Amino acid sequence: MTPTTRLLERILPVAMLVVAVVGAPVMIFAPQGLPRLRGLEKELGDVDDENAALRREIDSLKGRVGRLRDDPGAVERIARDNLGLVRQTEVVFQFQTRR
């Protein structure tokens, strides 16, 4: 073996170790490292919470649709409350409010 080869065999592992020891913390604590990972984990949690809320809302709306399909009373309630409709046999009295 030549002296250059022996020198490389001794220095190269030490140099790689130094690069790893210095480079790993720099990469971990860089803005694109661990802080970004924590931010993405928080964002993922927020999105999961929003998805769960939307699933609950969808389930609620599916139940409402089912009631509107199957329950004529529910349709009548909506027609009366939201649209102000009355049956043909009903008489509506309107009174002026005092000021």
PDB file of N, CA and C in Angstrom:
ATOM      1  N   MET A   1       0.832  -1.183   0.000  1.00  0.00           N
ATOM      2  CA  MET A   1       0.000   0.000   0.000  1.00  0.00           C
ATOM      3  C   MET A   1       0.874   1.243   0.000  1.00  0.00           C
ATOM      4  N   THR A   2       0.375   2.195  -0.709  1.00  0.00           N
ATOM      5  CA  THR A   2       1.121   3.445  -0.773  1.00  0.00           C
ATOM      6  C   THR A   2       0.760   4.305   0.436  1.00  0.00           C
ATOM      7  N   PRO A   3       1.603   5.226   0.747  1.00  0.00           N
ATOM      8  CA  PRO A   3       1.305   6.097   1.888  1.00  0.00           C
ATOM      9  C   PRO A   3       0.035   6.923   1.673  1.00  0.00           C
ATOM     10  N   THR A   4      -0.268   7.263   0.460  1.00  0.00           N
ATOM     11  CA  THR A   4      -1.488   8.028   0.174  1.00  0.00           C
ATOM     12  C   THR A   4      -2.723   7.191   0.470  1.00  0.00           C
ATOM     13  N   THR A   5      -2.696   5.933   0.106  1.00  0.00           N
ATOM     14  CA  THR A   5      -3.821   5.054   0.358  1.00  0.00           C
ATOM     15  C   THR A   5      -4.032   4.868   1.857  1.00  0.00           C
ATOM     16  N   ARG A   6      -2.949   4.673   2.588  1.00  0.00           N
ATOM     17  CA  ARG A   6      -3.063   4.525   4.033  1.00  0.00           C
ATOM     18  C   ARG A   6      -3.622   5.793   4.674  1.00  0.00           C
ATOM     19  N   LEU A   7      -3.167   6.920   4.196  1.00  0.00           N
ATOM     20  CA  LEU A   7      -3.650   8.186   4.729  1.00  0.00           C
ATOM     21  C   LEU A   7      -5.149   8.350   4.457  1.00  0.00           C
ATOM     22  N   LEU A   8      -5.593   7.994   3.247  1.00  0.00           N
ATOM     23  CA  LEU A   8      -7.012   8.069   2.909  1.00  0.00           C
ATOM     24  C   LEU A   8      -7.836   7.108   3.750  1.00  0.00           C
ATOM     25  N   GLU A   9      -7.325   5.921   4.014  1.00  0.00           N
ATOM     26  CA  GLU A   9      -8.043   4.943   4.817  1.00  0.00           C
ATOM     27  C   GLU A   9      -8.226   5.429   6.254  1.00  0.00           C
ATOM     28  N   ARG A  10      -7.320   6.239   6.748  1.00  0.00           N
ATOM     29  CA  ARG A  10      -7.448   6.761   8.101  1.00  0.00           C
ATOM     30  C   ARG A  10      -8.269   8.055   8.146  1.00  0.00           C
ATOM     31  N   ILE A  11      -8.056   8.920   7.199  1.00  0.00           N
ATOM     32  CA  ILE A  11      -8.695  10.234   7.230  1.00  0.00           C
ATOM     33  C   ILE A  11     -10.136  10.186   6.720  1.00  0.00           C
ATOM     34  N   LEU A  12     -10.407   9.400   5.717  1.00  0.00           N
ATOM     35  CA  LEU A  12     -11.745   9.374   5.112  1.00  0.00           C
ATOM     36  C   LEU A  12     -12.834   8.991   6.116  1.00  0.00           C
ATOM     37  N   PRO A  13     -12.710   7.941   6.918  1.00  0.00           N
ATOM     38  CA  PRO A  13     -13.769   7.646   7.898  1.00  0.00           C
ATOM     39  C   PRO A  13     -13.950   8.767   8.933  1.00  0.00           C
ATOM     40  N   VAL A  14     -12.839   9.352   9.370  1.00  0.00           N
ATOM     41  CA  VAL A  14     -12.923  10.443  10.346  1.00  0.00           C
ATOM     42  C   VAL A  14     -13.608  11.653   9.709  1.00  0.00           C
ATOM     43  N   ALA A  15     -13.275  11.958   8.472  1.00  0.00           N
ATOM     44  CA  ALA A  15     -13.889  13.093   7.780  1.00  0.00           C
ATOM     45  C   ALA A  15     -15.384  12.862   7.588  1.00  0.00           C
ATOM     46  N   MET A  16     -15.760  11.659   7.232  1.00  0.00           N
ATOM     47  CA  MET A  16     -17.189  11.355   7.074  1.00  0.00           C
ATOM     48  C   MET A  16     -17.916  11.480   8.405  1.00  0.00           C
ATOM     49  N   LEU A  17     -17.298  11.041   9.488  1.00  0.00           N
ATOM     50  CA  LEU A  17     -17.893  11.163  10.813  1.00  0.00           C
ATOM     51  C   LEU A  17     -18.063  12.630  11.194  1.00  0.00           C
ATOM     52  N   VAL A  18     -17.076  13.445  10.920  1.00  0.00           N
ATOM     53  CA  VAL A  18     -17.157  14.874  11.223  1.00  0.00           C
ATOM     54  C   VAL A  18     -18.280  15.512  10.416  1.00  0.00           C
ATOM     55  N   VAL A  19     -18.391  15.185   9.145  1.00  0.00           N
ATOM     56  CA  VAL A  19     -19.461  15.734   8.310  1.00  0.00           C
ATOM     57  C   VAL A  19     -20.820  15.310   8.841  1.00  0.00           C
ATOM     58  N   ALA A  20     -20.955  14.054   9.266  1.00  0.00           N
ATOM     59  CA  ALA A  20     -22.233  13.575   9.790  1.00  0.00           C
ATOM     60  C   ALA A  20     -22.569  14.258  11.111  1.00  0.00           C
ATOM     61  N   VAL A  21     -21.595  14.403  11.988  1.00  0.00           N
ATOM     62  CA  VAL A  21     -21.832  15.013  13.295  1.00  0.00           C
ATOM     63  C   VAL A  21     -22.196  16.491  13.145  1.00  0.00           C
ATOM     64  N   VAL A  22     -21.591  17.174  12.215  1.00  0.00           N
ATOM     65  CA  VAL A  22     -21.887  18.593  12.002  1.00  0.00           C
ATOM     66  C   VAL A  22     -23.128  18.756  11.130  1.00  0.00           C
ATOM     67  N   GLY A  23     -23.254  17.949  10.115  1.00  0.00           N
ATOM     68  CA  GLY A  23     -24.340  18.117   9.143  1.00  0.00           C
ATOM     69  C   GLY A  23     -25.708  17.702   9.648  1.00  0.00           C
ATOM     70  N   ALA A  24     -25.787  16.655  10.453  1.00  0.00           N
ATOM     71  CA  ALA A  24     -27.093  16.164  10.915  1.00  0.00           C
ATOM     72  C   ALA A  24     -27.839  17.210  11.741  1.00  0.00           C
ATOM     73  N   PRO A  25     -27.230  17.817  12.762  1.00  0.00           N
ATOM     74  CA  PRO A  25     -27.974  18.844  13.507  1.00  0.00           C
ATOM     75  C   PRO A  25     -28.343  20.053  12.656  1.00  0.00           C
ATOM     76  N   VAL A  26     -27.457  20.424  11.757  1.00  0.00           N
ATOM     77  CA  VAL A  26     -27.757  21.565  10.876  1.00  0.00           C
ATOM     78  C   VAL A  26     -28.977  21.244  10.027  1.00  0.00           C
ATOM     79  N   MET A  27     -29.041  20.046   9.491  1.00  0.00           N
ATOM     80  CA  MET A  27     -30.188  19.667   8.650  1.00  0.00           C
ATOM     81  C   MET A  27     -31.460  19.514   9.481  1.00  0.00           C
ATOM     82  N   ILE A  28     -31.336  19.009  10.708  1.00  0.00           N
ATOM     83  CA  ILE A  28     -32.510  18.801  11.555  1.00  0.00           C
ATOM     84  C   ILE A  28     -33.121  20.122  11.986  1.00  0.00           C
ATOM     85  N   PHE A  29     -32.296  21.065  12.415  1.00  0.00           N
ATOM     86  CA  PHE A  29     -32.804  22.320  12.953  1.00  0.00           C
ATOM     87  C   PHE A  29     -32.924  23.430  11.917  1.00  0.00           C
ATOM     88  N   ALA A  30     -32.636  23.128  10.673  1.00  0.00           N
ATOM     89  CA  ALA A  30     -32.832  24.111   9.595  1.00  0.00           C
ATOM     90  C   ALA A  30     -34.331  24.339   9.404  1.00  0.00           C
ATOM     91  N   PRO A  31     -34.730  25.463   8.815  1.00  0.00           N
ATOM     92  CA  PRO A  31     -36.164  25.738   8.614  1.00  0.00           C
ATOM     93  C   PRO A  31     -36.897  24.630   7.854  1.00  0.00           C
ATOM     94  N   GLN A  32     -36.224  23.906   7.011  1.00  0.00           N
ATOM     95  CA  GLN A  32     -36.861  22.819   6.264  1.00  0.00           C
ATOM     96  C   GLN A  32     -36.757  21.487   6.992  1.00  0.00           C
ATOM     97  N   GLY A  33     -36.242  21.479   8.201  1.00  0.00           N
ATOM     98  CA  GLY A  33     -36.077  20.236   8.946  1.00  0.00           C
ATOM     99  C   GLY A  33     -37.180  20.009   9.954  1.00  0.00           C
ATOM    100  N   LEU A  34     -36.780  19.901  11.211  1.00  0.00           N
ATOM    101  CA  LEU A  34     -37.695  19.581  12.297  1.00  0.00           C
ATOM    102  C   LEU A  34     -38.810  20.618  12.493  1.00  0.00           C
ATOM    103  N   PRO A  35     -38.525  21.922  12.432  1.00  0.00           N
ATOM    104  CA  PRO A  35     -39.626  22.895  12.572  1.00  0.00           C
ATOM    105  C   PRO A  35     -40.698  22.734  11.490  1.00  0.00           C
ATOM    106  N   ARG A  36     -40.282  22.456  10.282  1.00  0.00           N
ATOM    107  CA  ARG A  36     -41.253  22.245   9.198  1.00  0.00           C
ATOM    108  C   ARG A  36     -42.080  20.985   9.465  1.00  0.00           C
ATOM    109  N   LEU A  37     -41.424  19.942   9.958  1.00  0.00           N
ATOM    110  CA  LEU A  37     -42.136  18.705  10.275  1.00  0.00           C
ATOM    111  C   LEU A  37     -43.198  18.962  11.336  1.00  0.00           C
ATOM    112  N   ARG A  38     -42.856  19.706  12.384  1.00  0.00           N
ATOM    113  CA  ARG A  38     -43.830  20.021  13.436  1.00  0.00           C
ATOM    114  C   ARG A  38     -44.999  20.837  12.871  1.00  0.00           C
ATOM    115  N   GLY A  39     -44.693  21.803  12.022  1.00  0.00           N
ATOM    116  CA  GLY A  39     -45.751  22.601  11.404  1.00  0.00           C
ATOM    117  C   GLY A  39     -46.671  21.752  10.539  1.00  0.00           C
ATOM    118  N   LEU A  40     -46.103  20.843   9.780  1.00  0.00           N
ATOM    119  CA  LEU A  40     -46.910  19.969   8.929  1.00  0.00           C
ATOM    120  C   LEU A  40     -47.760  19.013   9.762  1.00  0.00           C
ATOM    121  N   GLU A  41     -47.224  18.531  10.883  1.00  0.00           N
ATOM    122  CA  GLU A  41     -48.010  17.660  11.758  1.00  0.00           C
ATOM    123  C   GLU A  41     -49.197  18.409  12.349  1.00  0.00           C
ATOM    124  N   LYS A  42     -48.983  19.668  12.746  1.00  0.00           N
ATOM    125  CA  LYS A  42     -50.080  20.481  13.284  1.00  0.00           C
ATOM    126  C   LYS A  42     -51.122  20.742  12.197  1.00  0.00           C
ATOM    127  N   GLU A  43     -50.653  21.062  11.005  1.00  0.00           N
ATOM    128  CA  GLU A  43     -51.580  21.295   9.887  1.00  0.00           C
ATOM    129  C   GLU A  43     -52.390  20.039   9.579  1.00  0.00           C
ATOM    130  N   LEU A  44     -51.748  18.885   9.635  1.00  0.00           N
ATOM    131  CA  LEU A  44     -52.447  17.624   9.401  1.00  0.00           C
ATOM    132  C   LEU A  44     -53.521  17.400  10.463  1.00  0.00           C
ATOM    133  N   GLY A  45     -53.204  17.693  11.712  1.00  0.00           N
ATOM    134  CA  GLY A  45     -54.193  17.566  12.785  1.00  0.00           C
ATOM    135  C   GLY A  45     -55.377  18.501  12.565  1.00  0.00           C
ATOM    136  N   ASP A  46     -55.105  19.733  12.139  1.00  0.00           N
ATOM    137  CA  ASP A  46     -56.181  20.687  11.871  1.00  0.00           C
ATOM    138  C   ASP A  46     -57.074  20.206  10.734  1.00  0.00           C
ATOM    139  N   VAL A  47     -56.459  19.681   9.689  1.00  0.00           N
ATOM    140  CA  VAL A  47     -57.230  19.178   8.548  1.00  0.00           C
ATOM    141  C   VAL A  47     -58.054  17.956   8.958  1.00  0.00           C
ATOM    142  N   ASP A  48     -57.487  17.089   9.789  1.00  0.00           N
ATOM    143  CA  ASP A  48     -58.250  15.930  10.273  1.00  0.00           C
ATOM    144  C   ASP A  48     -59.465  16.369  11.089  1.00  0.00           C
ATOM    145  N   ASP A  49     -59.269  17.389  11.944  1.00  0.00           N
ATOM    146  CA  ASP A  49     -60.400  17.908  12.736  1.00  0.00           C
ATOM    147  C   ASP A  49     -61.472  18.501  11.831  1.00  0.00           C
ATOM    148  N   GLU A  50     -61.040  19.242  10.820  1.00  0.00           N
ATOM    149  CA  GLU A  50     -62.003  19.834   9.885  1.00  0.00           C
ATOM    150  C   GLU A  50     -62.752  18.748   9.112  1.00  0.00           C
ATOM    151  N   ASN A  51     -62.040  17.704   8.711  1.00  0.00           N
ATOM    152  CA  ASN A  51     -62.686  16.596   8.004  1.00  0.00           C
ATOM    153  C   ASN A  51     -63.721  15.911   8.884  1.00  0.00           C
ATOM    154  N   ALA A  52     -63.402  15.723  10.159  1.00  0.00           N
ATOM    155  CA  ALA A  52     -64.351  15.083  11.081  1.00  0.00           C
ATOM    156  C   ALA A  52     -65.601  15.948  11.232  1.00  0.00           C
ATOM    157  N   ALA A  53     -65.411  17.271  11.335  1.00  0.00           N
ATOM    158  CA  ALA A  53     -66.567  18.168  11.448  1.00  0.00           C
ATOM    159  C   ALA A  53     -67.418  18.111  10.180  1.00  0.00           C
ATOM    160  N   LEU A  54     -66.769  18.066   9.034  1.00  0.00           N
ATOM    161  CA  LEU A  54     -67.514  17.987   7.776  1.00  0.00           C
ATOM    162  C   LEU A  54     -68.246  16.647   7.645  1.00  0.00           C
ATOM    163  N   ARG A  55     -67.639  15.564   8.134  1.00  0.00           N
ATOM    164  CA  ARG A  55     -68.328  14.263   8.112  1.00  0.00           C
ATOM    165  C   ARG A  55     -69.582  14.301   8.971  1.00  0.00           C
ATOM    166  N   ARG A  56     -69.470  14.938  10.160  1.00  0.00           N
ATOM    167  CA  ARG A  56     -70.651  15.056  11.026  1.00  0.00           C
ATOM    168  C   ARG A  56     -71.734  15.886  10.340  1.00  0.00           C
ATOM    169  N   GLU A  57     -71.332  16.962   9.688  1.00  0.00           N
ATOM    170  CA  GLU A  57     -72.313  17.798   8.986  1.00  0.00           C
ATOM    171  C   GLU A  57     -72.970  17.025   7.842  1.00  0.00           C
ATOM    172  N   ILE A  58     -72.185  16.247   7.121  1.00  0.00           N
ATOM    173  CA  ILE A  58     -72.731  15.439   6.024  1.00  0.00           C
ATOM    174  C   ILE A  58     -73.726  14.424   6.568  1.00  0.00           C
ATOM    175  N   ASP A  59     -73.375  13.773   7.676  1.00  0.00           N
ATOM    176  CA  ASP A  59     -74.301  12.805   8.275  1.00  0.00           C
ATOM    177  C   ASP A  59     -75.600  13.481   8.701  1.00  0.00           C
ATOM    178  N   SER A  60     -75.477  14.664   9.270  1.00  0.00           N
ATOM    179  CA  SER A  60     -76.668  15.408   9.673  1.00  0.00           C
ATOM    180  C   SER A  60     -77.536  15.751   8.464  1.00  0.00           C
ATOM    181  N   LEU A  61     -76.896  16.203   7.398  1.00  0.00           N
ATOM    182  CA  LEU A  61     -77.649  16.552   6.187  1.00  0.00           C
ATOM    183  C   LEU A  61     -78.275  15.319   5.538  1.00  0.00           C
ATOM    184  N   LYS A  62     -77.578  14.184   5.591  1.00  0.00           N
ATOM    185  CA  LYS A  62     -78.159  12.949   5.057  1.00  0.00           C
ATOM    186  C   LYS A  62     -79.414  12.562   5.846  1.00  0.00           C
ATOM    187  N   GLY A  63     -79.343  12.735   7.170  1.00  0.00           N
ATOM    188  CA  GLY A  63     -80.520  12.455   7.995  1.00  0.00           C
ATOM    189  C   GLY A  63     -81.675  13.386   7.648  1.00  0.00           C
ATOM    190  N   ARG A  64     -81.351  14.649   7.430  1.00  0.00           N
ATOM    191  CA  ARG A  64     -82.402  15.614   7.069  1.00  0.00           C
ATOM    192  C   ARG A  64     -83.019  15.261   5.715  1.00  0.00           C
ATOM    193  N   VAL A  65     -82.198  14.871   4.764  1.00  0.00           N
ATOM    194  CA  VAL A  65     -82.706  14.474   3.445  1.00  0.00           C
ATOM    195  C   VAL A  65     -83.610  13.260   3.582  1.00  0.00           C
ATOM    196  N   GLY A  66     -83.182  12.303   4.405  1.00  0.00           N
ATOM    197  CA  GLY A  66     -84.005  11.107   4.624  1.00  0.00           C
ATOM    198  C   GLY A  66     -85.354  11.464   5.230  1.00  0.00           C
ATOM    199  N   ARG A  67     -85.350  12.383   6.207  1.00  0.00           N
ATOM    200  CA  ARG A  67     -86.624  12.796   6.811  1.00  0.00           C
ATOM    201  C   ARG A  67     -87.508  13.516   5.793  1.00  0.00           C
ATOM    202  N   LEU A  68     -86.906  14.330   4.949  1.00  0.00           N
ATOM    203  CA  LEU A  68     -87.705  15.040   3.939  1.00  0.00           C
ATOM    204  C   LEU A  68     -88.305  14.076   2.915  1.00  0.00           C
ATOM    205  N   ARG A  69     -87.579  13.011   2.623  1.00  0.00           N
ATOM    206  CA  ARG A  69     -88.106  12.019   1.677  1.00  0.00           C
ATOM    207  C   ARG A  69     -89.235  11.205   2.286  1.00  0.00           C
ATOM    208  N   ASP A  70     -89.090  10.837   3.556  1.00  0.00           N
ATOM    209  CA  ASP A  70     -89.990   9.868   4.171  1.00  0.00           C
ATOM    210  C   ASP A  70     -91.087  10.478   5.035  1.00  0.00           C
ATOM    211  N   ASP A  71     -90.895  11.686   5.533  1.00  0.00           N
ATOM    212  CA  ASP A  71     -91.838  12.260   6.493  1.00  0.00           C
ATOM    213  C   ASP A  71     -92.552  13.473   5.893  1.00  0.00           C
ATOM    214  N   PRO A  72     -93.816  13.321   5.516  1.00  0.00           N
ATOM    215  CA  PRO A  72     -94.541  14.474   4.958  1.00  0.00           C
ATOM    216  C   PRO A  72     -94.678  15.610   5.972  1.00  0.00           C
ATOM    217  N   GLY A  73     -94.705  15.288   7.250  1.00  0.00           N
ATOM    218  CA  GLY A  73     -94.790  16.316   8.283  1.00  0.00           C
ATOM    219  C   GLY A  73     -93.575  17.234   8.272  1.00  0.00           C
ATOM    220  N   ALA A  74     -92.407  16.663   7.998  1.00  0.00           N
ATOM    221  CA  ALA A  74     -91.189  17.478   7.933  1.00  0.00           C
ATOM    222  C   ALA A  74     -91.260  18.445   6.763  1.00  0.00           C
ATOM    223  N   VAL A  75     -91.750  17.969   5.631  1.00  0.00           N
ATOM    224  CA  VAL A  75     -91.902  18.840   4.464  1.00  0.00           C
ATOM    225  C   VAL A  75     -92.891  19.960   4.783  1.00  0.00           C
ATOM    226  N   GLU A  76     -93.990  19.611   5.444  1.00  0.00           N
ATOM    227  CA  GLU A  76     -94.999  20.623   5.796  1.00  0.00           C
ATOM    228  C   GLU A  76     -94.417  21.666   6.748  1.00  0.00           C
ATOM    229  N   ARG A  77     -93.644  21.211   7.720  1.00  0.00           N
ATOM    230  CA  ARG A  77     -93.021  22.153   8.662  1.00  0.00           C
ATOM    231  C   ARG A  77     -92.131  23.144   7.932  1.00  0.00           C
ATOM    232  N   ILE A  78     -91.340  22.659   6.996  1.00  0.00           N
ATOM    233  CA  ILE A  78     -90.452  23.552   6.247  1.00  0.00           C
ATOM    234  C   ILE A  78     -91.269  24.511   5.394  1.00  0.00           C
ATOM    235  N   ALA A  79     -92.317  24.003   4.752  1.00  0.00           N
ATOM    236  CA  ALA A  79     -93.157  24.864   3.922  1.00  0.00           C
ATOM    237  C   ALA A  79     -93.811  25.948   4.769  1.00  0.00           C
ATOM    238  N   ARG A  80     -94.244  25.613   5.954  1.00  0.00           N
ATOM    239  CA  ARG A  80     -94.892  26.600   6.830  1.00  0.00           C
ATOM    240  C   ARG A  80     -93.875  27.592   7.398  1.00  0.00           C
ATOM    241  N   ASP A  81     -92.784  27.072   7.934  1.00  0.00           N
ATOM    242  CA  ASP A  81     -91.819  27.934   8.628  1.00  0.00           C
ATOM    243  C   ASP A  81     -91.009  28.801   7.665  1.00  0.00           C
ATOM    244  N   ASN A  82     -90.468  28.189   6.646  1.00  0.00           N
ATOM    245  CA  ASN A  82     -89.543  28.916   5.768  1.00  0.00           C
ATOM    246  C   ASN A  82     -90.248  29.651   4.636  1.00  0.00           C
ATOM    247  N   LEU A  83     -91.321  29.071   4.118  1.00  0.00           N
ATOM    248  CA  LEU A  83     -91.967  29.654   2.944  1.00  0.00           C
ATOM    249  C   LEU A  83     -93.255  30.384   3.278  1.00  0.00           C
ATOM    250  N   GLY A  84     -93.765  30.208   4.502  1.00  0.00           N
ATOM    251  CA  GLY A  84     -94.986  30.891   4.903  1.00  0.00           C
ATOM    252  C   GLY A  84     -96.237  30.373   4.213  1.00  0.00           C
ATOM    253  N   LEU A  85     -96.223  29.120   3.826  1.00  0.00           N
ATOM    254  CA  LEU A  85     -97.372  28.532   3.138  1.00  0.00           C
ATOM    255  C   LEU A  85     -98.412  28.042   4.145  1.00  0.00           C
ATOM    256  N   VAL A  86     -99.673  28.003   3.696  1.00  0.00           N
ATOM    257  CA  VAL A  86    -100.774  27.496   4.526  1.00  0.00           C
ATOM    258  C   VAL A  86    -101.592  26.529   3.682  1.00  0.00           C
ATOM    259  N   ARG A  87    -102.388  25.725   4.363  1.00  0.00           N
ATOM    260  CA  ARG A  87    -103.281  24.813   3.644  1.00  0.00           C
ATOM    261  C   ARG A  87    -104.441  25.601   3.038  1.00  0.00           C
ATOM    262  N   GLN A  88    -105.087  24.994   2.048  1.00  0.00           N
ATOM    263  CA  GLN A  88    -106.215  25.672   1.392  1.00  0.00           C
ATOM    264  C   GLN A  88    -107.383  25.859   2.352  1.00  0.00           C
ATOM    265  N   THR A  89    -107.519  24.994   3.319  1.00  0.00           N
ATOM    266  CA  THR A  89    -108.661  25.074   4.238  1.00  0.00           C
ATOM    267  C   THR A  89    -108.391  25.999   5.421  1.00  0.00           C
ATOM    268  N   GLU A  90    -107.188  26.530   5.537  1.00  0.00           N
ATOM    269  CA  GLU A  90    -106.863  27.391   6.662  1.00  0.00           C
ATOM    270  C   GLU A  90    -107.153  28.857   6.333  1.00  0.00           C
ATOM    271  N   VAL A  91    -107.508  29.600   7.361  1.00  0.00           N
ATOM    272  CA  VAL A  91    -107.734  31.029   7.227  1.00  0.00           C
ATOM    273  C   VAL A  91    -106.604  31.739   7.953  1.00  0.00           C
ATOM    274  N   VAL A  92    -106.044  32.737   7.308  1.00  0.00           N
ATOM    275  CA  VAL A  92    -104.921  33.469   7.883  1.00  0.00           C
ATOM    276  C   VAL A  92    -105.412  34.840   8.327  1.00  0.00           C
ATOM    277  N   PHE A  93    -105.144  35.180   9.561  1.00  0.00           N
ATOM    278  CA  PHE A  93    -105.481  36.504  10.086  1.00  0.00           C
ATOM    279  C   PHE A  93    -104.194  37.282  10.238  1.00  0.00           C
ATOM    280  N   GLN A  94    -104.183  38.500   9.732  1.00  0.00           N
ATOM    281  CA  GLN A  94    -103.018  39.353   9.877  1.00  0.00           C
ATOM    282  C   GLN A  94    -103.422  40.564  10.712  1.00  0.00           C
ATOM    283  N   PHE A  95    -102.684  40.861  11.740  1.00  0.00           N
ATOM    284  CA  PHE A  95    -103.000  41.970  12.624  1.00  0.00           C
ATOM    285  C   PHE A  95    -101.887  43.010  12.511  1.00  0.00           C
ATOM    286  N   GLN A  96    -102.296  44.268  12.561  1.00  0.00           N
ATOM    287  CA  GLN A  96    -101.310  45.332  12.553  1.00  0.00           C
ATOM    288  C   GLN A  96    -100.680  45.413  13.928  1.00  0.00           C
ATOM    289  N   THR A  97     -99.441  45.673  13.944  1.00  0.00           N
ATOM    290  CA  THR A  97     -98.768  45.846  15.226  1.00  0.00           C
ATOM    291  C   THR A  97     -98.873  47.303  15.644  1.00  0.00           C
ATOM    292  N   ARG A  98     -99.035  47.549  16.915  1.00  0.00           N
ATOM    293  CA  ARG A  98     -99.121  48.917  17.428  1.00  0.00           C
ATOM    294  C   ARG A  98     -97.723  49.504  17.512  1.00  0.00           C
ATOM    295  N   ARG A  99     -97.692  50.791  17.201  1.00  0.00           N
ATOM    296  CA  ARG A  99     -96.378  51.447  17.243  1.00  0.00           C
ATOM    297  C   ARG A  99     -96.234  52.338  18.423  1.00  0.00           C
TER     298      ARG A  99
END
